[in-house]
Amino acid sequence: MTSAPGRRSTTHPPQCHGYEIRIRGRVSESFRDAFGGLAITVNPVETVVWGADLDQAALYSVLERIQALGLELVEVRRFPRNLPR
């Protein structure tokens, strides 16, 4: 299938990747519940949220939750989805 110029083909599903999201400070247990289904590691100076197989829409949803909770985003890193964790 060929798509029109300037339009994306809809025959390919969105690519999923693993994302590591770093948040400044130690996120409390109640805030961690807002990220259900994602792996969370709380370190002394930051909290790391890691999600495998997130598409772009899911990533933006996580970033919106971080903003809505008033947390400070430090870094977002993308990894291939088959990267062993």
Foldseek 3Di string as FASTA:
>chain_A
DDDDPPDDDPPDDAFFWKKKWKWFAFDDPVLVVVVPPWDWDGDHTIIITIDAGDGPVRVVVVVVSCVVVVIHTDDMDTHGRPDDD
